[in-house]
Amino acid sequence: MTIKLNTSICCIINVGMYESIISPQNVFEEDENKVKFSDALTEEEKEYFDEKHFGDWNSKAYKDLVSKYAMEIIARYFESISNTIKIVLRNKGEIISPKYYNYRSDILDFEVEVEQVEISKILSNVLKDEMFFKWAERYRSFPGFISWMPYSKEEYIEAIQGKDVERALGMYLTYLYDAQNNFKEHEFGHTYDLYDSISSSHGITEFINNERAVEIYNKASAGAV
């Protein structure tokens, strides 16, 4: 079956770009990355892409780059847990950004393919794992916060059996991620891998080429070329 997930309910990587390690400002203002970026530009582009533009690069081309590398990292994570659950990515993923960043941040929407037998295996696994529902207590509602996650055993059984399989699957994948990290304080360790990919010479060059393509498309749409 095809299931829609996102990094809000499947917390294995953080793609939030607002004042974060992967913000365009942070990536492109690092001295080392400035050199990589400059080396990939034409002389004409160097005159345009100076420091005053760094804060404006949260473009579609940049979001597409973040999405691409995030999906590659997620695919590797799914491979690392394949002995526990077999799950396959179905699409390229898409960054969804809020209109305002007061209460929300960017998330990555993506689809996965999971066989029904794997869903049944998840239920069997969590019912035998005493740690899972202790871990799930983090999702419990409290005054001022209403949780939409199925954190109790009864709610989780209902959810994974079809009532809310998206959240149930997202929780389980997050649990396996935390288990890989020995249940230390939850950190989006993969986000540092994402930064390394984006800020590599290959990543920066790919961003520039994407940005060029978007610019050409915009000009063509406006009848300029």
N, C-alpha and C. Protein backbone atom coordinates (compact mmCIF):
# COMPACT_ATOMS: atom_id res chain seq x y z
N MET A 1 0.84 -1.19 0.00
CA MET A 1 0.00 0.00 0.00
C MET A 1 0.88 1.25 0.00
N THR A 2 0.34 2.33 -0.56
CA THR A 2 1.04 3.60 -0.59
C THR A 2 0.60 4.44 0.60
N ILE A 3 1.57 4.96 1.34
CA ILE A 3 1.27 5.74 2.54
C ILE A 3 2.00 7.08 2.45
N LYS A 4 1.27 8.14 2.74
CA LYS A 4 1.86 9.49 2.74
C LYS A 4 2.43 9.81 4.11
N LEU A 5 3.71 10.21 4.13
CA LEU A 5 4.37 10.58 5.37
C LEU A 5 4.96 11.98 5.23
N ASN A 6 5.41 12.51 6.35
CA ASN A 6 6.17 13.76 6.32
C ASN A 6 7.08 13.78 7.54
N THR A 7 8.01 14.71 7.54
CA THR A 7 9.01 14.74 8.61
C THR A 7 8.48 15.35 9.90
N SER A 8 7.20 15.67 9.93
CA SER A 8 6.57 16.10 11.18
C SER A 8 6.11 14.88 11.99
N ILE A 9 5.64 13.85 11.30
CA ILE A 9 5.19 12.64 11.99
C ILE A 9 6.22 11.52 11.91
N CYS A 10 7.16 11.64 10.99
CA CYS A 10 8.25 10.67 10.86
C CYS A 10 9.54 11.45 11.10
N CYS A 11 9.91 11.58 12.37
CA CYS A 11 10.95 12.54 12.78
C CYS A 11 12.35 11.93 12.70
N ILE A 12 12.81 11.66 11.50
CA ILE A 12 14.13 11.06 11.32
C ILE A 12 15.11 12.04 10.69
N ILE A 13 14.63 13.16 10.22
CA ILE A 13 15.49 14.20 9.67
C ILE A 13 14.75 15.53 9.77
N ASN A 14 15.49 16.60 10.00
CA ASN A 14 14.88 17.93 10.12
C ASN A 14 15.28 18.75 8.90
N VAL A 15 14.30 19.15 8.10
CA VAL A 15 14.58 19.96 6.90
C VAL A 15 14.23 21.43 7.13
N GLY A 16 13.98 21.81 8.38
CA GLY A 16 13.66 23.21 8.68
C GLY A 16 14.82 24.12 8.31
N MET A 17 14.54 25.13 7.49
CA MET A 17 15.60 25.99 6.98
C MET A 17 15.65 27.36 7.65
N TYR A 18 14.69 27.64 8.51
CA TYR A 18 14.65 28.96 9.14
C TYR A 18 15.65 29.03 10.29
N GLU A 19 16.69 29.85 10.12
CA GLU A 19 17.73 30.03 11.14
C GLU A 19 18.28 28.69 11.64
N SER A 20 18.52 27.76 10.73
CA SER A 20 19.03 26.44 11.10
C SER A 20 20.36 26.19 10.41
N ILE A 21 20.94 25.04 10.71
CA ILE A 21 22.22 24.68 10.11
C ILE A 21 22.14 24.59 8.59
N ILE A 22 20.95 24.28 8.06
CA ILE A 22 20.82 24.16 6.60
C ILE A 22 20.13 25.37 5.97
N SER A 23 20.03 26.46 6.71
CA SER A 23 19.49 27.68 6.09
C SER A 23 20.43 28.11 4.97
N PRO A 24 19.91 28.69 3.90
CA PRO A 24 20.80 29.17 2.82
C PRO A 24 21.85 30.14 3.34
N GLN A 25 21.45 30.99 4.29
CA GLN A 25 22.40 31.95 4.84
C GLN A 25 23.57 31.23 5.49
N ASN A 26 23.26 30.20 6.31
CA ASN A 26 24.32 29.49 7.02
C ASN A 26 25.23 28.74 6.05
N VAL A 27 24.62 28.07 5.09
CA VAL A 27 25.41 27.28 4.13
C VAL A 27 26.34 28.16 3.31
N PHE A 28 25.80 29.24 2.77
CA PHE A 28 26.57 30.02 1.81
C PHE A 28 27.42 31.12 2.43
N GLU A 29 27.26 31.35 3.72
CA GLU A 29 28.10 32.36 4.36
C GLU A 29 29.33 31.75 5.04
N GLU A 30 29.40 30.42 5.08
CA GLU A 30 30.61 29.78 5.58
C GLU A 30 31.75 30.09 4.60
N ASP A 31 32.88 30.52 5.13
CA ASP A 31 33.99 30.93 4.26
C ASP A 31 34.38 29.84 3.27
N GLU A 32 34.45 28.60 3.76
CA GLU A 32 34.84 27.49 2.87
C GLU A 32 33.83 27.31 1.75
N ASN A 33 32.55 27.47 2.09
CA ASN A 33 31.51 27.29 1.08
C ASN A 33 31.46 28.46 0.09
N LYS A 34 31.82 29.66 0.56
CA LYS A 34 31.90 30.80 -0.35
C LYS A 34 32.89 30.51 -1.47
N VAL A 35 34.00 29.89 -1.10
CA VAL A 35 35.02 29.55 -2.10
C VAL A 35 34.47 28.53 -3.09
N LYS A 36 33.82 27.49 -2.56
CA LYS A 36 33.23 26.47 -3.44
C LYS A 36 32.21 27.10 -4.39
N PHE A 37 31.37 27.99 -3.83
CA PHE A 37 30.33 28.64 -4.62
C PHE A 37 30.95 29.52 -5.70
N SER A 38 31.91 30.32 -5.31
CA SER A 38 32.56 31.22 -6.25
C SER A 38 33.23 30.46 -7.38
N ASP A 39 33.86 29.33 -7.06
CA ASP A 39 34.55 28.53 -8.08
C ASP A 39 33.60 27.98 -9.13
N ALA A 40 32.33 27.83 -8.76
CA ALA A 40 31.36 27.25 -9.69
C ALA A 40 30.62 28.30 -10.52
N LEU A 41 30.88 29.59 -10.27
CA LEU A 41 30.18 30.66 -10.97
C LEU A 41 30.95 31.15 -12.20
N THR A 42 30.21 31.68 -13.15
CA THR A 42 30.83 32.40 -14.26
C THR A 42 31.20 33.78 -13.75
N GLU A 43 32.03 34.50 -14.50
CA GLU A 43 32.43 35.84 -14.08
C GLU A 43 31.21 36.76 -13.96
N GLU A 44 30.26 36.62 -14.88
CA GLU A 44 29.05 37.45 -14.84
C GLU A 44 28.23 37.15 -13.59
N GLU A 45 28.14 35.87 -13.24
CA GLU A 45 27.36 35.48 -12.07
C GLU A 45 28.03 35.95 -10.78
N LYS A 46 29.35 35.99 -10.76
CA LYS A 46 30.05 36.45 -9.55
C LYS A 46 29.67 37.87 -9.21
N GLU A 47 29.41 38.69 -10.22
CA GLU A 47 29.01 40.08 -9.98
C GLU A 47 27.62 40.15 -9.37
N TYR A 48 26.78 39.17 -9.72
CA TYR A 48 25.40 39.18 -9.22
C TYR A 48 25.29 38.54 -7.84
N PHE A 49 25.88 37.35 -7.68
CA PHE A 49 25.77 36.60 -6.43
C PHE A 49 26.82 37.06 -5.42
N ASP A 50 26.69 38.29 -4.95
CA ASP A 50 27.60 38.75 -3.91
C ASP A 50 26.91 38.57 -2.55
N GLU A 51 27.53 39.05 -1.49
CA GLU A 51 27.04 38.74 -0.14
C GLU A 51 25.63 39.23 0.13
N LYS A 52 25.22 40.31 -0.50
CA LYS A 52 23.89 40.84 -0.17
C LYS A 52 22.78 39.92 -0.64
N HIS A 53 23.10 38.96 -1.48
CA HIS A 53 22.08 38.04 -1.97
C HIS A 53 21.98 36.77 -1.13
N PHE A 54 22.94 36.53 -0.23
CA PHE A 54 22.97 35.26 0.49
C PHE A 54 21.68 35.00 1.26
N GLY A 55 21.11 36.03 1.86
CA GLY A 55 19.91 35.86 2.66
C GLY A 55 18.65 35.65 1.85
N ASP A 56 18.75 35.75 0.52
CA ASP A 56 17.56 35.64 -0.33
C ASP A 56 17.51 34.33 -1.10
N TRP A 57 18.35 33.38 -0.75
CA TRP A 57 18.47 32.20 -1.57
C TRP A 57 17.59 31.04 -1.13
N ASN A 58 16.56 31.30 -0.38
CA ASN A 58 15.63 30.24 -0.03
C ASN A 58 14.67 30.03 -1.20
N SER A 59 15.24 29.61 -2.31
CA SER A 59 14.52 29.53 -3.59
C SER A 59 14.02 28.12 -3.82
N LYS A 60 13.21 27.97 -4.87
CA LYS A 60 12.73 26.63 -5.24
C LYS A 60 13.91 25.73 -5.57
N ALA A 61 14.92 26.28 -6.25
CA ALA A 61 16.09 25.47 -6.59
C ALA A 61 16.78 24.96 -5.34
N TYR A 62 16.86 25.80 -4.31
CA TYR A 62 17.51 25.38 -3.07
C TYR A 62 16.65 24.34 -2.35
N LYS A 63 15.35 24.56 -2.29
CA LYS A 63 14.46 23.59 -1.64
C LYS A 63 14.50 22.25 -2.36
N ASP A 64 14.58 22.28 -3.69
CA ASP A 64 14.68 21.03 -4.45
C ASP A 64 15.97 20.29 -4.10
N LEU A 65 17.05 21.03 -3.89
CA LEU A 65 18.32 20.42 -3.51
C LEU A 65 18.22 19.78 -2.13
N VAL A 66 17.64 20.52 -1.17
CA VAL A 66 17.45 19.98 0.18
C VAL A 66 16.60 18.71 0.12
N SER A 67 15.52 18.76 -0.65
CA SER A 67 14.63 17.61 -0.77
C SER A 67 15.36 16.40 -1.35
N LYS A 68 16.14 16.63 -2.40
CA LYS A 68 16.85 15.52 -3.05
C LYS A 68 17.79 14.82 -2.08
N TYR A 69 18.63 15.59 -1.38
CA TYR A 69 19.60 14.98 -0.48
C TYR A 69 18.93 14.39 0.76
N ALA A 70 17.85 15.01 1.23
CA ALA A 70 17.12 14.45 2.37
C ALA A 70 16.52 13.10 2.01
N MET A 71 15.99 12.99 0.79
CA MET A 71 15.40 11.72 0.36
C MET A 71 16.47 10.64 0.22
N GLU A 72 17.66 11.01 -0.22
CA GLU A 72 18.75 10.03 -0.32
C GLU A 72 19.12 9.52 1.07
N ILE A 73 19.13 10.41 2.07
CA ILE A 73 19.46 10.02 3.44
C ILE A 73 18.36 9.13 4.01
N ILE A 74 17.10 9.48 3.74
CA ILE A 74 15.98 8.66 4.21
C ILE A 74 16.04 7.27 3.59
N ALA A 75 16.37 7.20 2.30
CA ALA A 75 16.48 5.90 1.62
C ALA A 75 17.55 5.03 2.29
N ARG A 76 18.69 5.65 2.66
CA ARG A 76 19.75 4.89 3.33
C ARG A 76 19.29 4.43 4.72
N TYR A 77 18.52 5.29 5.39
CA TYR A 77 17.99 4.90 6.70
C TYR A 77 17.04 3.71 6.56
N PHE A 78 16.17 3.76 5.58
CA PHE A 78 15.24 2.64 5.36
C PHE A 78 16.01 1.35 5.07
N GLU A 79 17.10 1.46 4.35
CA GLU A 79 17.92 0.28 4.07
C GLU A 79 18.52 -0.27 5.37
N SER A 80 18.89 0.64 6.28
CA SER A 80 19.53 0.21 7.53
C SER A 80 18.56 -0.53 8.45
N ILE A 81 17.25 -0.35 8.27
CA ILE A 81 16.26 -1.02 9.13
C ILE A 81 15.51 -2.10 8.37
N SER A 82 16.02 -2.49 7.19
CA SER A 82 15.29 -3.42 6.33
C SER A 82 15.13 -4.81 6.95
N ASN A 83 15.97 -5.15 7.92
CA ASN A 83 15.78 -6.45 8.59
C ASN A 83 14.59 -6.42 9.54
N THR A 84 14.17 -5.20 9.91
CA THR A 84 13.02 -5.05 10.82
C THR A 84 11.74 -4.76 10.05
N ILE A 85 11.82 -3.87 9.07
CA ILE A 85 10.67 -3.53 8.24
C ILE A 85 11.15 -3.16 6.84
N LYS A 86 10.48 -3.70 5.85
CA LYS A 86 10.83 -3.39 4.47
C LYS A 86 9.90 -2.27 3.99
N ILE A 87 10.52 -1.17 3.61
CA ILE A 87 9.76 0.03 3.20
C ILE A 87 10.50 0.69 2.05
N VAL A 88 9.76 1.15 1.05
CA VAL A 88 10.37 1.69 -0.17
C VAL A 88 9.81 3.09 -0.45
N LEU A 89 10.69 4.02 -0.78
CA LEU A 89 10.25 5.36 -1.18
C LEU A 89 9.62 5.30 -2.57
N ARG A 90 8.56 6.08 -2.75
CA ARG A 90 7.85 6.06 -4.04
C ARG A 90 8.06 7.33 -4.87
N ASN A 91 8.39 8.45 -4.24
CA ASN A 91 8.48 9.69 -5.01
C ASN A 91 9.73 10.48 -4.62
N LYS A 92 9.90 11.65 -5.20
CA LYS A 92 11.09 12.47 -4.97
C LYS A 92 10.99 13.32 -3.71
N GLY A 93 9.79 13.45 -3.17
CA GLY A 93 9.60 14.28 -1.99
C GLY A 93 9.45 15.75 -2.34
N GLU A 94 8.85 16.49 -1.45
CA GLU A 94 8.63 17.93 -1.68
C GLU A 94 8.69 18.68 -0.36
N ILE A 95 9.46 19.78 -0.35
CA ILE A 95 9.52 20.64 0.82
C ILE A 95 8.27 21.51 0.88
N ILE A 96 7.60 21.50 2.02
CA ILE A 96 6.43 22.35 2.25
C ILE A 96 6.81 23.39 3.30
N SER A 97 6.68 24.66 2.95
CA SER A 97 7.07 25.74 3.85
C SER A 97 5.84 26.48 4.36
N PRO A 98 5.83 26.86 5.63
CA PRO A 98 4.69 27.62 6.16
C PRO A 98 4.73 29.06 5.66
N LYS A 99 3.60 29.72 5.69
CA LYS A 99 3.56 31.13 5.30
C LYS A 99 4.32 31.97 6.32
N TYR A 100 4.16 31.60 7.60
CA TYR A 100 4.88 32.27 8.67
C TYR A 100 5.58 31.21 9.53
N TYR A 101 6.72 31.55 10.09
CA TYR A 101 7.52 30.60 10.85
C TYR A 101 7.32 30.74 12.37
N ASN A 102 6.22 31.36 12.81
CA ASN A 102 5.99 31.56 14.24
C ASN A 102 5.88 30.23 14.99
N TYR A 103 5.09 29.30 14.42
CA TYR A 103 4.80 28.06 15.13
C TYR A 103 5.20 26.81 14.35
N ARG A 104 5.51 26.96 13.08
CA ARG A 104 5.83 25.80 12.25
C ARG A 104 7.12 26.06 11.48
N SER A 105 7.66 24.99 10.91
CA SER A 105 8.84 25.12 10.08
C SER A 105 8.64 24.29 8.82
N ASP A 106 9.67 24.23 7.99
CA ASP A 106 9.57 23.46 6.75
C ASP A 106 9.47 21.97 7.08
N ILE A 107 8.71 21.24 6.28
CA ILE A 107 8.64 19.79 6.40
C ILE A 107 8.82 19.18 5.03
N LEU A 108 9.17 17.91 5.00
CA LEU A 108 9.32 17.18 3.75
C LEU A 108 8.19 16.18 3.63
N ASP A 109 7.38 16.33 2.58
CA ASP A 109 6.33 15.37 2.27
C ASP A 109 6.90 14.29 1.36
N PHE A 110 6.57 13.03 1.64
CA PHE A 110 7.01 11.95 0.76
C PHE A 110 6.07 10.76 0.88
N GLU A 111 6.15 9.86 -0.09
CA GLU A 111 5.30 8.68 -0.09
C GLU A 111 6.16 7.43 -0.01
N VAL A 112 5.62 6.43 0.67
CA VAL A 112 6.32 5.14 0.78
C VAL A 112 5.38 4.02 0.37
N GLU A 113 5.98 2.91 0.01
CA GLU A 113 5.23 1.69 -0.31
C GLU A 113 5.55 0.65 0.76
N VAL A 114 4.51 0.14 1.40
CA VAL A 114 4.67 -0.86 2.46
C VAL A 114 3.65 -1.97 2.23
N GLU A 115 4.12 -3.20 2.25
CA GLU A 115 3.20 -4.33 2.10
C GLU A 115 2.41 -4.51 3.39
N GLN A 116 1.19 -5.04 3.27
CA GLN A 116 0.34 -5.25 4.43
C GLN A 116 1.00 -6.17 5.44
N VAL A 117 1.76 -7.15 4.98
CA VAL A 117 2.43 -8.06 5.89
C VAL A 117 3.42 -7.31 6.79
N GLU A 118 4.02 -6.22 6.27
CA GLU A 118 4.95 -5.43 7.07
C GLU A 118 4.20 -4.62 8.13
N ILE A 119 3.01 -4.14 7.76
CA ILE A 119 2.19 -3.41 8.73
C ILE A 119 1.80 -4.35 9.88
N SER A 120 1.43 -5.57 9.55
CA SER A 120 1.08 -6.56 10.57
C SER A 120 2.29 -6.87 11.45
N LYS A 121 3.47 -6.88 10.83
CA LYS A 121 4.70 -7.15 11.58
C LYS A 121 4.97 -6.03 12.59
N ILE A 122 4.68 -4.78 12.21
CA ILE A 122 4.87 -3.65 13.13
C ILE A 122 4.03 -3.85 14.38
N LEU A 123 2.75 -4.19 14.18
CA LEU A 123 1.86 -4.39 15.34
C LEU A 123 2.40 -5.49 16.24
N SER A 124 2.82 -6.58 15.64
CA SER A 124 3.36 -7.68 16.42
C SER A 124 4.61 -7.24 17.19
N ASN A 125 5.46 -6.47 16.54
CA ASN A 125 6.71 -6.01 17.17
C ASN A 125 6.45 -5.11 18.37
N VAL A 126 5.55 -4.13 18.20
CA VAL A 126 5.35 -3.16 19.29
C VAL A 126 4.65 -3.81 20.48
N LEU A 127 3.79 -4.80 20.22
CA LEU A 127 3.09 -5.46 21.32
C LEU A 127 4.05 -6.32 22.14
N LYS A 128 5.16 -6.72 21.54
CA LYS A 128 6.16 -7.52 22.26
C LYS A 128 7.27 -6.65 22.86
N ASP A 129 7.28 -5.38 22.52
CA ASP A 129 8.36 -4.49 22.92
C ASP A 129 7.89 -3.56 24.04
N GLU A 130 8.30 -3.85 25.26
CA GLU A 130 7.86 -3.05 26.40
C GLU A 130 8.34 -1.60 26.30
N MET A 131 9.44 -1.39 25.64
CA MET A 131 10.02 -0.06 25.55
C MET A 131 9.20 0.88 24.68
N PHE A 132 8.51 0.32 23.67
CA PHE A 132 7.84 1.18 22.69
C PHE A 132 6.83 2.12 23.33
N PHE A 133 5.95 1.62 24.17
CA PHE A 133 4.89 2.47 24.72
C PHE A 133 5.40 3.37 25.84
N LYS A 134 6.51 2.99 26.47
CA LYS A 134 7.16 3.93 27.39
C LYS A 134 7.72 5.11 26.58
N TRP A 135 8.36 4.78 25.47
CA TRP A 135 8.90 5.81 24.56
C TRP A 135 7.78 6.70 24.02
N ALA A 136 6.63 6.09 23.69
CA ALA A 136 5.51 6.81 23.09
C ALA A 136 4.88 7.83 24.02
N GLU A 137 5.19 7.77 25.31
CA GLU A 137 4.64 8.72 26.26
C GLU A 137 5.01 10.16 25.90
N ARG A 138 6.09 10.34 25.12
CA ARG A 138 6.47 11.69 24.70
C ARG A 138 5.36 12.39 23.91
N TYR A 139 4.46 11.60 23.32
CA TYR A 139 3.39 12.16 22.50
C TYR A 139 2.11 12.42 23.30
N ARG A 140 2.14 12.17 24.59
CA ARG A 140 0.93 12.33 25.41
C ARG A 140 0.49 13.80 25.45
N SER A 141 -0.81 14.02 25.42
CA SER A 141 -1.35 15.38 25.55
C SER A 141 -1.10 15.91 26.96
N PHE A 142 -0.99 17.22 27.06
CA PHE A 142 -0.86 17.86 28.37
C PHE A 142 -1.53 19.22 28.29
N PRO A 143 -1.77 19.91 29.41
CA PRO A 143 -2.45 21.20 29.37
C PRO A 143 -1.76 22.17 28.40
N GLY A 144 -2.55 22.67 27.47
CA GLY A 144 -2.01 23.59 26.47
C GLY A 144 -1.53 22.90 25.21
N PHE A 145 -1.54 21.55 25.20
CA PHE A 145 -1.08 20.81 24.02
C PHE A 145 -1.96 19.59 23.81
N ILE A 146 -2.53 19.48 22.62
CA ILE A 146 -3.34 18.32 22.26
C ILE A 146 -2.55 17.49 21.25
N SER A 147 -2.28 16.26 21.61
CA SER A 147 -1.53 15.37 20.72
C SER A 147 -2.48 14.68 19.75
N TRP A 148 -2.02 14.57 18.50
CA TRP A 148 -2.79 13.84 17.50
C TRP A 148 -2.14 12.48 17.22
N MET A 149 -1.13 12.13 18.03
CA MET A 149 -0.43 10.87 17.81
C MET A 149 -1.00 9.76 18.69
N PRO A 150 -1.06 8.53 18.19
CA PRO A 150 -1.64 7.41 18.95
C PRO A 150 -0.63 6.83 19.93
N TYR A 151 -0.50 7.47 21.11
CA TYR A 151 0.57 7.10 22.02
C TYR A 151 0.20 5.95 22.98
N SER A 152 -1.10 5.70 23.19
CA SER A 152 -1.47 4.59 24.08
C SER A 152 -1.58 3.30 23.27
N LYS A 153 -1.51 2.18 23.97
CA LYS A 153 -1.60 0.88 23.28
C LYS A 153 -2.89 0.75 22.51
N GLU A 154 -4.01 1.14 23.14
CA GLU A 154 -5.32 1.00 22.49
C GLU A 154 -5.39 1.86 21.23
N GLU A 155 -4.93 3.12 21.34
CA GLU A 155 -4.97 4.02 20.19
C GLU A 155 -4.04 3.55 19.08
N TYR A 156 -2.89 3.02 19.47
CA TYR A 156 -1.93 2.60 18.45
C TYR A 156 -2.45 1.38 17.67
N ILE A 157 -3.05 0.45 18.36
CA ILE A 157 -3.62 -0.73 17.69
C ILE A 157 -4.66 -0.29 16.66
N GLU A 158 -5.55 0.63 17.07
CA GLU A 158 -6.57 1.14 16.14
C GLU A 158 -5.92 1.84 14.96
N ALA A 159 -4.91 2.64 15.23
CA ALA A 159 -4.26 3.43 14.19
C ALA A 159 -3.56 2.55 13.17
N ILE A 160 -2.74 1.61 13.62
CA ILE A 160 -1.95 0.78 12.71
C ILE A 160 -2.84 -0.17 11.91
N GLN A 161 -4.03 -0.48 12.46
CA GLN A 161 -4.95 -1.36 11.74
C GLN A 161 -5.79 -0.62 10.72
N GLY A 162 -5.56 0.69 10.57
CA GLY A 162 -6.23 1.40 9.48
C GLY A 162 -6.81 2.75 9.83
N LYS A 163 -7.02 3.03 11.12
CA LYS A 163 -7.64 4.30 11.49
C LYS A 163 -6.72 5.48 11.20
N ASP A 164 -5.43 5.30 11.44
CA ASP A 164 -4.46 6.38 11.19
C ASP A 164 -3.09 5.76 10.96
N VAL A 165 -3.00 4.96 9.90
CA VAL A 165 -1.78 4.20 9.65
C VAL A 165 -0.59 5.11 9.37
N GLU A 166 -0.85 6.31 8.84
CA GLU A 166 0.26 7.23 8.54
C GLU A 166 1.00 7.61 9.82
N ARG A 167 0.26 8.08 10.83
CA ARG A 167 0.91 8.47 12.09
C ARG A 167 1.51 7.27 12.81
N ALA A 168 0.82 6.14 12.76
CA ALA A 168 1.34 4.94 13.42
C ALA A 168 2.66 4.50 12.79
N LEU A 169 2.72 4.52 11.47
CA LEU A 169 3.96 4.15 10.79
C LEU A 169 5.06 5.17 11.05
N GLY A 170 4.70 6.46 11.00
CA GLY A 170 5.68 7.51 11.27
C GLY A 170 6.28 7.37 12.67
N MET A 171 5.44 7.06 13.65
CA MET A 171 5.92 6.86 15.02
C MET A 171 6.89 5.70 15.08
N TYR A 172 6.55 4.59 14.43
CA TYR A 172 7.39 3.41 14.50
C TYR A 172 8.76 3.66 13.86
N LEU A 173 8.76 4.36 12.73
CA LEU A 173 10.02 4.67 12.06
C LEU A 173 10.87 5.61 12.91
N THR A 174 10.22 6.54 13.61
CA THR A 174 10.94 7.43 14.52
C THR A 174 11.50 6.63 15.70
N TYR A 175 10.72 5.69 16.20
CA TYR A 175 11.17 4.84 17.31
C TYR A 175 12.41 4.04 16.93
N LEU A 176 12.40 3.47 15.73
CA LEU A 176 13.56 2.69 15.29
C LEU A 176 14.78 3.59 15.14
N TYR A 177 14.56 4.82 14.71
CA TYR A 177 15.67 5.78 14.60
C TYR A 177 16.26 6.06 15.99
N ASP A 178 15.39 6.31 16.96
CA ASP A 178 15.86 6.56 18.32
C ASP A 178 16.56 5.34 18.90
N ALA A 179 16.04 4.15 18.57
CA ALA A 179 16.66 2.92 19.08
C ALA A 179 18.07 2.76 18.52
N GLN A 180 18.28 3.16 17.27
CA GLN A 180 19.63 3.11 16.68
C GLN A 180 20.59 4.00 17.46
N ASN A 181 20.05 5.07 18.06
CA ASN A 181 20.87 6.02 18.82
C ASN A 181 20.81 5.76 20.32
N ASN A 182 20.40 4.53 20.68
CA ASN A 182 20.36 4.12 22.09
C ASN A 182 19.49 5.02 22.96
N PHE A 183 18.44 5.57 22.37
CA PHE A 183 17.45 6.38 23.08
C PHE A 183 18.06 7.55 23.82
N LYS A 184 19.13 8.10 23.25
CA LYS A 184 19.67 9.34 23.79
C LYS A 184 18.67 10.44 23.49
N GLU A 185 18.89 11.62 24.06
CA GLU A 185 17.98 12.74 23.78
C GLU A 185 17.82 12.88 22.28
N HIS A 186 16.58 12.95 21.83
CA HIS A 186 16.32 12.89 20.39
C HIS A 186 17.00 14.04 19.66
N GLU A 187 17.86 13.67 18.74
CA GLU A 187 18.53 14.66 17.90
C GLU A 187 18.38 14.24 16.45
N PHE A 188 18.24 15.23 15.59
CA PHE A 188 18.14 14.92 14.17
C PHE A 188 19.54 14.81 13.60
N GLY A 189 20.23 13.72 13.96
CA GLY A 189 21.60 13.55 13.51
C GLY A 189 21.75 13.57 12.01
N HIS A 190 20.74 13.06 11.31
CA HIS A 190 20.81 13.03 9.85
C HIS A 190 20.88 14.45 9.26
N THR A 191 20.45 15.45 10.02
CA THR A 191 20.47 16.81 9.50
C THR A 191 21.90 17.28 9.26
N TYR A 192 22.83 16.79 10.07
CA TYR A 192 24.23 17.14 9.85
C TYR A 192 24.75 16.48 8.57
N ASP A 193 24.28 15.26 8.30
CA ASP A 193 24.62 14.61 7.03
C ASP A 193 24.04 15.42 5.87
N LEU A 194 22.84 15.96 6.07
CA LEU A 194 22.20 16.77 5.04
C LEU A 194 23.01 18.03 4.76
N TYR A 195 23.48 18.68 5.82
CA TYR A 195 24.32 19.87 5.65
C TYR A 195 25.58 19.53 4.86
N ASP A 196 26.22 18.41 5.20
CA ASP A 196 27.44 18.02 4.51
C ASP A 196 27.19 17.80 3.02
N SER A 197 26.05 17.21 2.68
CA SER A 197 25.72 16.98 1.26
C SER A 197 25.47 18.28 0.51
N ILE A 198 24.66 19.15 1.14
CA ILE A 198 24.31 20.42 0.49
C ILE A 198 25.54 21.29 0.28
N SER A 199 26.42 21.32 1.29
CA SER A 199 27.55 22.23 1.25
C SER A 199 28.78 21.64 0.56
N SER A 200 28.65 20.43 0.05
CA SER A 200 29.75 19.85 -0.72
C SER A 200 29.91 20.60 -2.03
N SER A 201 31.06 20.47 -2.67
CA SER A 201 31.28 21.11 -3.97
C SER A 201 30.24 20.64 -4.97
N HIS A 202 29.91 19.33 -4.93
CA HIS A 202 28.90 18.79 -5.85
C HIS A 202 27.53 19.39 -5.57
N GLY A 203 27.18 19.50 -4.28
CA GLY A 203 25.87 20.05 -3.93
C GLY A 203 25.72 21.49 -4.34
N ILE A 204 26.75 22.29 -4.08
CA ILE A 204 26.70 23.71 -4.44
C ILE A 204 26.62 23.89 -5.95
N THR A 205 27.40 23.11 -6.69
CA THR A 205 27.35 23.19 -8.15
C THR A 205 25.98 22.79 -8.66
N GLU A 206 25.39 21.76 -8.06
CA GLU A 206 24.06 21.32 -8.48
C GLU A 206 23.02 22.41 -8.20
N PHE A 207 23.14 23.08 -7.04
CA PHE A 207 22.23 24.18 -6.73
C PHE A 207 22.33 25.29 -7.77
N ILE A 208 23.54 25.66 -8.12
CA ILE A 208 23.73 26.73 -9.11
C ILE A 208 23.10 26.35 -10.44
N ASN A 209 23.30 25.10 -10.85
CA ASN A 209 22.71 24.65 -12.12
C ASN A 209 21.19 24.65 -12.05
N ASN A 210 20.64 24.26 -10.89
CA ASN A 210 19.19 24.31 -10.70
C ASN A 210 18.69 25.74 -10.77
N GLU A 211 19.44 26.65 -10.12
CA GLU A 211 19.06 28.06 -10.10
C GLU A 211 19.08 28.65 -11.51
N ARG A 212 20.08 28.27 -12.29
CA ARG A 212 20.15 28.72 -13.69
C ARG A 212 18.94 28.22 -14.47
N ALA A 213 18.59 26.94 -14.25
CA ALA A 213 17.46 26.36 -14.96
C ALA A 213 16.15 27.07 -14.61
N VAL A 214 15.97 27.37 -13.32
CA VAL A 214 14.76 28.08 -12.89
C VAL A 214 14.71 29.48 -13.50
N GLU A 215 15.86 30.15 -13.53
CA GLU A 215 15.90 31.50 -14.09
C GLU A 215 15.55 31.49 -15.58
N ILE A 216 16.10 30.53 -16.30
CA ILE A 216 15.79 30.41 -17.74
C ILE A 216 14.30 30.13 -17.94
N TYR A 217 13.75 29.24 -17.09
CA TYR A 217 12.32 28.93 -17.21
C TYR A 217 11.46 30.15 -16.94
N ASN A 218 11.81 30.91 -15.90
CA ASN A 218 11.04 32.11 -15.57
C ASN A 218 11.09 33.13 -16.70
N LYS A 219 12.27 33.31 -17.28
CA LYS A 219 12.40 34.24 -18.40
C LYS A 219 11.57 33.78 -19.59
N ALA A 220 11.61 32.47 -19.86
CA ALA A 220 10.85 31.92 -20.98
C ALA A 220 9.35 32.10 -20.75
N SER A 221 8.91 31.88 -19.49
CA SER A 221 7.49 32.02 -19.17
C SER A 221 7.03 33.47 -19.36
N ALA A 222 7.96 34.40 -19.11
CA ALA A 222 7.63 35.82 -19.24
C ALA A 222 7.83 36.32 -20.67
N GLY A 223 8.25 35.42 -21.57
CA GLY A 223 8.46 35.79 -22.95
C GLY A 223 9.74 36.55 -23.20
N ALA A 224 10.70 36.40 -22.26
CA ALA A 224 11.95 37.17 -22.38
C ALA A 224 12.98 36.46 -23.25
N VAL A 225 12.79 35.16 -23.49
CA VAL A 225 13.75 34.41 -24.33
C VAL A 225 12.98 33.63 -25.39
